[in-house]
Amino acid sequence: MIYEYIKTFGSDLTCLKLKVIDKMCLKSNHYWLMAIIPKLTSLKTLKLYQNEANSFGEDGHKFLQKAVNYFHKNGGLLQKVQMSNVYQRTSGDFLYPTLKCLPDLQILSFKDNMLAANDCKAIGKVLSDFKNIRELDLRNCMLDTTKGKEIADGLMRAKQLEIIKLNDN
């Protein structure tokens, strides 16, 4: 059903909010990300969230990386990426490879994530590399001194940044 909707209205969608599904509930793992996201070339905002019961896992992040990469190759220009509760059960470097092909990002939101040090390093690198980012939301991300330092390295180079949200850390 969702594929028919995407086929009919996909070229007009500018915002997509997806609830992460545990791969144990799926026959195709998270392949559906690669089947849907690259077709939405008008997409400007991508919101991913999960509840406590589900886990995106490493496979989900790998499929998301491929989907975003194909999206960009198809001419898509995401301006906002929001991930809530997505980075609580992963270990590995998934964030930077996912975001590196999205140079037009203006808003990054990682609210309610337990970010690891490597995730914070990736955020710092994205802030350094991408000159369009205007807003960064890191509310309730369990940031400590080490993680804060990784982000601060990028903040020093992010002269274009206008809004930083850091509540509840």
C-alpha atoms as a PDB file:
ATOM      1  CA  MET A   1       0.000   0.000   0.000  1.00  0.00           C
ATOM      2  CA  ILE A   2       2.758   2.459   0.858  1.00  0.00           C
ATOM      3  CA  TYR A   3       4.483   1.717  -2.453  1.00  0.00           C
ATOM      4  CA  GLU A   4       1.334   2.667  -4.358  1.00  0.00           C
ATOM      5  CA  TYR A   5       1.114   5.895  -2.363  1.00  0.00           C
ATOM      6  CA  ILE A   6       4.775   6.669  -3.098  1.00  0.00           C
ATOM      7  CA  LYS A   7       4.259   5.900  -6.788  1.00  0.00           C
ATOM      8  CA  THR A   8       1.259   8.252  -6.924  1.00  0.00           C
ATOM      9  CA  PHE A   9       2.344  11.118  -4.655  1.00  0.00           C
ATOM     10  CA  GLY A  10       6.072  10.560  -4.140  1.00  0.00           C
ATOM     11  CA  SER A  11       7.223  13.315  -6.450  1.00  0.00           C
ATOM     12  CA  ASP A  12       5.224  15.852  -4.398  1.00  0.00           C
ATOM     13  CA  LEU A  13       6.258  14.798  -0.860  1.00  0.00           C
ATOM     14  CA  THR A  14       8.500  17.307   0.898  1.00  0.00           C
ATOM     15  CA  CYS A  15       8.420  15.812   4.419  1.00  0.00           C
ATOM     16  CA  LEU A  16       8.655  12.161   5.375  1.00  0.00           C
ATOM     17  CA  LYS A  17       8.319  10.916   8.940  1.00  0.00           C
ATOM     18  CA  LEU A  18       9.204   7.258   9.410  1.00  0.00           C
ATOM     19  CA  LYS A  19       8.882   5.131  12.491  1.00  0.00           C
ATOM     20  CA  VAL A  20      11.738   2.679  12.673  1.00  0.00           C
ATOM     21  CA  ILE A  21      10.545  -0.903  12.569  1.00  0.00           C
ATOM     22  CA  ASP A  22      12.477  -3.706  14.227  1.00  0.00           C
ATOM     23  CA  LYS A  23      13.989  -5.863  11.509  1.00  0.00           C
ATOM     24  CA  MET A  24      12.612  -8.959  13.246  1.00  0.00           C
ATOM     25  CA  CYS A  25       9.169  -7.815  12.056  1.00  0.00           C
ATOM     26  CA  LEU A  26      10.320  -7.474   8.447  1.00  0.00           C
ATOM     27  CA  LYS A  27      10.966 -10.100   5.801  1.00  0.00           C
ATOM     28  CA  SER A  28      13.236  -7.792   3.816  1.00  0.00           C
ATOM     29  CA  ASN A  29      15.246  -6.349   6.717  1.00  0.00           C
ATOM     30  CA  HIS A  30      15.392  -2.574   6.166  1.00  0.00           C
ATOM     31  CA  TYR A  31      15.594  -2.761   2.383  1.00  0.00           C
ATOM     32  CA  TRP A  32      12.354  -0.769   2.250  1.00  0.00           C
ATOM     33  CA  LEU A  33      14.397   2.371   3.041  1.00  0.00           C
ATOM     34  CA  MET A  34      16.265   1.944  -0.240  1.00  0.00           C
ATOM     35  CA  ALA A  35      13.020   1.256  -2.077  1.00  0.00           C
ATOM     36  CA  ILE A  36      11.257   4.391  -0.848  1.00  0.00           C
ATOM     37  CA  ILE A  37      13.638   7.266  -0.026  1.00  0.00           C
ATOM     38  CA  PRO A  38      15.529   7.517  -3.366  1.00  0.00           C
ATOM     39  CA  LYS A  39      12.227   7.927  -5.229  1.00  0.00           C
ATOM     40  CA  LEU A  40      11.244  11.010  -3.209  1.00  0.00           C
ATOM     41  CA  THR A  41      13.392  13.574  -4.997  1.00  0.00           C
ATOM     42  CA  SER A  42      11.268  16.526  -3.769  1.00  0.00           C
ATOM     43  CA  LEU A  43      11.882  15.522  -0.159  1.00  0.00           C
ATOM     44  CA  LYS A  44      13.275  18.357   1.991  1.00  0.00           C
ATOM     45  CA  THR A  45      12.763  16.902   5.492  1.00  0.00           C
ATOM     46  CA  LEU A  46      13.445  13.380   6.713  1.00  0.00           C
ATOM     47  CA  LYS A  47      12.361  12.449  10.244  1.00  0.00           C
ATOM     48  CA  LEU A  48      13.223   9.072  11.725  1.00  0.00           C
ATOM     49  CA  TYR A  49      12.112   7.981  15.156  1.00  0.00           C
ATOM     50  CA  GLN A  50      11.724   4.797  17.124  1.00  0.00           C
ATOM     51  CA  ASN A  51      10.157   3.782  20.369  1.00  0.00           C
ATOM     52  CA  GLU A  52      11.826   1.904  23.195  1.00  0.00           C
ATOM     53  CA  ALA A  53      10.705  -1.516  21.950  1.00  0.00           C
ATOM     54  CA  ASN A  54      12.264  -1.318  18.485  1.00  0.00           C
ATOM     55  CA  SER A  55      15.879  -1.336  17.421  1.00  0.00           C
ATOM     56  CA  PHE A  56      17.171   0.089  14.143  1.00  0.00           C
ATOM     57  CA  GLY A  57      20.506  -1.670  14.488  1.00  0.00           C
ATOM     58  CA  GLU A  58      23.524  -1.748  12.236  1.00  0.00           C
ATOM     59  CA  ASP A  59      21.617  -3.163   9.271  1.00  0.00           C
ATOM     60  CA  GLY A  60      19.099  -0.334   9.438  1.00  0.00           C
ATOM     61  CA  HIS A  61      21.860   2.255   9.423  1.00  0.00           C
ATOM     62  CA  LYS A  62      23.592   0.597   6.475  1.00  0.00           C
ATOM     63  CA  PHE A  63      20.384   0.591   4.432  1.00  0.00           C
ATOM     64  CA  LEU A  64      19.726   4.207   5.439  1.00  0.00           C
ATOM     65  CA  GLN A  65      23.221   5.182   4.236  1.00  0.00           C
ATOM     66  CA  LYS A  66      22.570   3.541   0.868  1.00  0.00           C
ATOM     67  CA  ALA A  67      19.104   5.088   0.599  1.00  0.00           C
ATOM     68  CA  VAL A  68      20.391   8.607   1.299  1.00  0.00           C
ATOM     69  CA  ASN A  69      23.262   8.119  -1.121  1.00  0.00           C
ATOM     70  CA  TYR A  70      20.882   7.001  -3.908  1.00  0.00           C
ATOM     71  CA  PHE A  71      18.538   9.860  -2.997  1.00  0.00           C
ATOM     72  CA  HIS A  72      21.361  12.366  -3.538  1.00  0.00           C
ATOM     73  CA  LYS A  73      22.461  10.698  -6.800  1.00  0.00           C
ATOM     74  CA  ASN A  74      18.849  11.023  -8.036  1.00  0.00           C
ATOM     75  CA  GLY A  75      19.019  14.796  -7.485  1.00  0.00           C
ATOM     76  CA  GLY A  76      17.434  14.972  -4.030  1.00  0.00           C
ATOM     77  CA  LEU A  77      18.414  17.866  -1.759  1.00  0.00           C
ATOM     78  CA  LEU A  78      17.508  17.246   1.885  1.00  0.00           C
ATOM     79  CA  GLN A  79      17.521  20.349   4.054  1.00  0.00           C
ATOM     80  CA  LYS A  80      16.517  18.851   7.412  1.00  0.00           C
ATOM     81  CA  VAL A  81      17.358  15.537   9.045  1.00  0.00           C
ATOM     82  CA  GLN A  82      15.781  14.677  12.377  1.00  0.00           C
ATOM     83  CA  MET A  83      16.578  11.441  14.197  1.00  0.00           C
ATOM     84  CA  SER A  84      14.918  10.771  17.548  1.00  0.00           C
ATOM     85  CA  ASN A  85      15.792   7.710  19.659  1.00  0.00           C
ATOM     86  CA  VAL A  86      17.608   6.187  16.687  1.00  0.00           C
ATOM     87  CA  TYR A  87      21.154   6.110  18.050  1.00  0.00           C
ATOM     88  CA  GLN A  88      20.595   4.335  21.353  1.00  0.00           C
ATOM     89  CA  ARG A  89      21.499   0.770  20.431  1.00  0.00           C
ATOM     90  CA  THR A  90      24.281   1.065  17.889  1.00  0.00           C
ATOM     91  CA  SER A  91      28.012   0.999  17.951  1.00  0.00           C
ATOM     92  CA  GLY A  92      29.896   1.965  14.852  1.00  0.00           C
ATOM     93  CA  ASP A  93      30.474   4.877  12.564  1.00  0.00           C
ATOM     94  CA  PHE A  94      27.131   5.306  10.837  1.00  0.00           C
ATOM     95  CA  LEU A  95      26.324   8.971  11.216  1.00  0.00           C
ATOM     96  CA  TYR A  96      28.974  10.639   9.074  1.00  0.00           C
ATOM     97  CA  PRO A  97      28.688   8.196   6.130  1.00  0.00           C
ATOM     98  CA  THR A  98      24.924   8.775   6.174  1.00  0.00           C
ATOM     99  CA  LEU A  99      25.170  12.566   6.194  1.00  0.00           C
ATOM    100  CA  LYS A 100      28.257  13.158   4.037  1.00  0.00           C
ATOM    101  CA  CYS A 101      26.317  13.064   0.766  1.00  0.00           C
ATOM    102  CA  LEU A 102      23.822  15.698   1.955  1.00  0.00           C
ATOM    103  CA  PRO A 103      25.740  18.982   1.605  1.00  0.00           C
ATOM    104  CA  ASP A 104      22.549  21.080   1.468  1.00  0.00           C
ATOM    105  CA  LEU A 105      21.541  20.290   5.059  1.00  0.00           C
ATOM    106  CA  GLN A 106      20.388  23.317   7.022  1.00  0.00           C
ATOM    107  CA  ILE A 107      18.929  21.693  10.148  1.00  0.00           C
ATOM    108  CA  LEU A 108      20.286  18.715  12.086  1.00  0.00           C
ATOM    109  CA  SER A 109      18.250  17.352  14.977  1.00  0.00           C
ATOM    110  CA  PHE A 110      19.332  14.452  17.179  1.00  0.00           C
ATOM    111  CA  LYS A 111      16.970  15.098  20.070  1.00  0.00           C
ATOM    112  CA  ASP A 112      16.574  12.241  22.589  1.00  0.00           C
ATOM    113  CA  ASN A 113      19.522  10.148  21.397  1.00  0.00           C
ATOM    114  CA  MET A 114      22.243   8.583  23.507  1.00  0.00           C
ATOM    115  CA  LEU A 115      25.022   9.698  21.194  1.00  0.00           C
ATOM    116  CA  ALA A 116      28.378   7.931  21.350  1.00  0.00           C
ATOM    117  CA  ALA A 117      31.684   9.789  21.115  1.00  0.00           C
ATOM    118  CA  ASN A 118      32.074   8.781  17.455  1.00  0.00           C
ATOM    119  CA  ASP A 119      28.600  10.188  16.696  1.00  0.00           C
ATOM    120  CA  CYS A 120      29.595  13.481  18.301  1.00  0.00           C
ATOM    121  CA  LYS A 121      32.819  13.496  16.303  1.00  0.00           C
ATOM    122  CA  ALA A 122      30.732  12.982  13.136  1.00  0.00           C
ATOM    123  CA  ILE A 123      28.474  15.902  14.110  1.00  0.00           C
ATOM    124  CA  GLY A 124      31.556  18.088  14.615  1.00  0.00           C
ATOM    125  CA  LYS A 125      32.896  17.055  11.201  1.00  0.00           C
ATOM    126  CA  VAL A 126      29.561  17.762   9.513  1.00  0.00           C
ATOM    127  CA  LEU A 127      29.463  21.208  11.129  1.00  0.00           C
ATOM    128  CA  SER A 128      32.974  21.870   9.812  1.00  0.00           C
ATOM    129  CA  ASP A 129      32.367  20.544   6.320  1.00  0.00           C
ATOM    130  CA  PHE A 130      28.869  21.814   5.531  1.00  0.00           C
ATOM    131  CA  LYS A 131      28.482  25.563   5.276  1.00  0.00           C
ATOM    132  CA  ASN A 132      24.659  25.614   5.080  1.00  0.00           C
ATOM    133  CA  ILE A 133      23.827  24.245   8.526  1.00  0.00           C
ATOM    134  CA  ARG A 134      21.945  26.922  10.466  1.00  0.00           C
ATOM    135  CA  GLU A 135      20.424  24.912  13.330  1.00  0.00           C
ATOM    136  CA  LEU A 136      21.654  22.080  15.551  1.00  0.00           C
ATOM    137  CA  ASP A 137      19.369  20.345  18.057  1.00  0.00           C
ATOM    138  CA  LEU A 138      21.114  18.117  20.618  1.00  0.00           C
ATOM    139  CA  ARG A 139      18.550  18.225  23.419  1.00  0.00           C
ATOM    140  CA  ASN A 140      18.581  15.284  25.805  1.00  0.00           C
ATOM    141  CA  CYS A 141      21.554  13.524  24.176  1.00  0.00           C
ATOM    142  CA  MET A 142      23.475  12.619  27.332  1.00  0.00           C
ATOM    143  CA  LEU A 143      26.453  14.777  26.349  1.00  0.00           C
ATOM    144  CA  ASP A 144      29.473  14.717  28.643  1.00  0.00           C
ATOM    145  CA  THR A 145      32.785  16.592  28.474  1.00  0.00           C
ATOM    146  CA  THR A 146      34.372  14.261  25.931  1.00  0.00           C
ATOM    147  CA  LYS A 147      31.366  14.263  23.621  1.00  0.00           C
ATOM    148  CA  GLY A 148      30.976  18.018  24.011  1.00  0.00           C
ATOM    149  CA  LYS A 149      34.595  18.530  22.974  1.00  0.00           C
ATOM    150  CA  GLU A 150      34.081  16.512  19.786  1.00  0.00           C
ATOM    151  CA  ILE A 151      31.130  18.724  18.843  1.00  0.00           C
ATOM    152  CA  ALA A 152      32.894  21.920  19.926  1.00  0.00           C
ATOM    153  CA  ASP A 153      35.686  21.263  17.442  1.00  0.00           C
ATOM    154  CA  GLY A 154      33.128  21.579  14.644  1.00  0.00           C
ATOM    155  CA  LEU A 155      31.306  24.476  16.288  1.00  0.00           C
ATOM    156  CA  MET A 156      34.469  26.579  16.162  1.00  0.00           C
ATOM    157  CA  ARG A 157      34.404  26.359  12.356  1.00  0.00           C
ATOM    158  CA  ALA A 158      30.620  26.646  11.916  1.00  0.00           C
ATOM    159  CA  LYS A 159      30.359  30.403  11.537  1.00  0.00           C
ATOM    160  CA  GLN A 160      26.978  30.104   9.784  1.00  0.00           C
ATOM    161  CA  LEU A 161      25.285  28.344  12.738  1.00  0.00           C
ATOM    162  CA  GLU A 162      22.460  30.473  14.165  1.00  0.00           C
ATOM    163  CA  ILE A 163      20.616  28.160  16.616  1.00  0.00           C
ATOM    164  CA  ILE A 164      22.008  25.536  18.988  1.00  0.00           C
ATOM    165  CA  LYS A 165      19.669  23.646  21.308  1.00  0.00           C
ATOM    166  CA  LEU A 166      21.441  21.830  24.168  1.00  0.00           C
ATOM    167  CA  ASN A 167      18.830  21.516  26.928  1.00  0.00           C
ATOM    168  CA  ASP A 168      18.819  18.505  29.296  1.00  0.00           C
ATOM    169  CA  ASN A 169      22.381  17.277  28.839  1.00  0.00           C
END
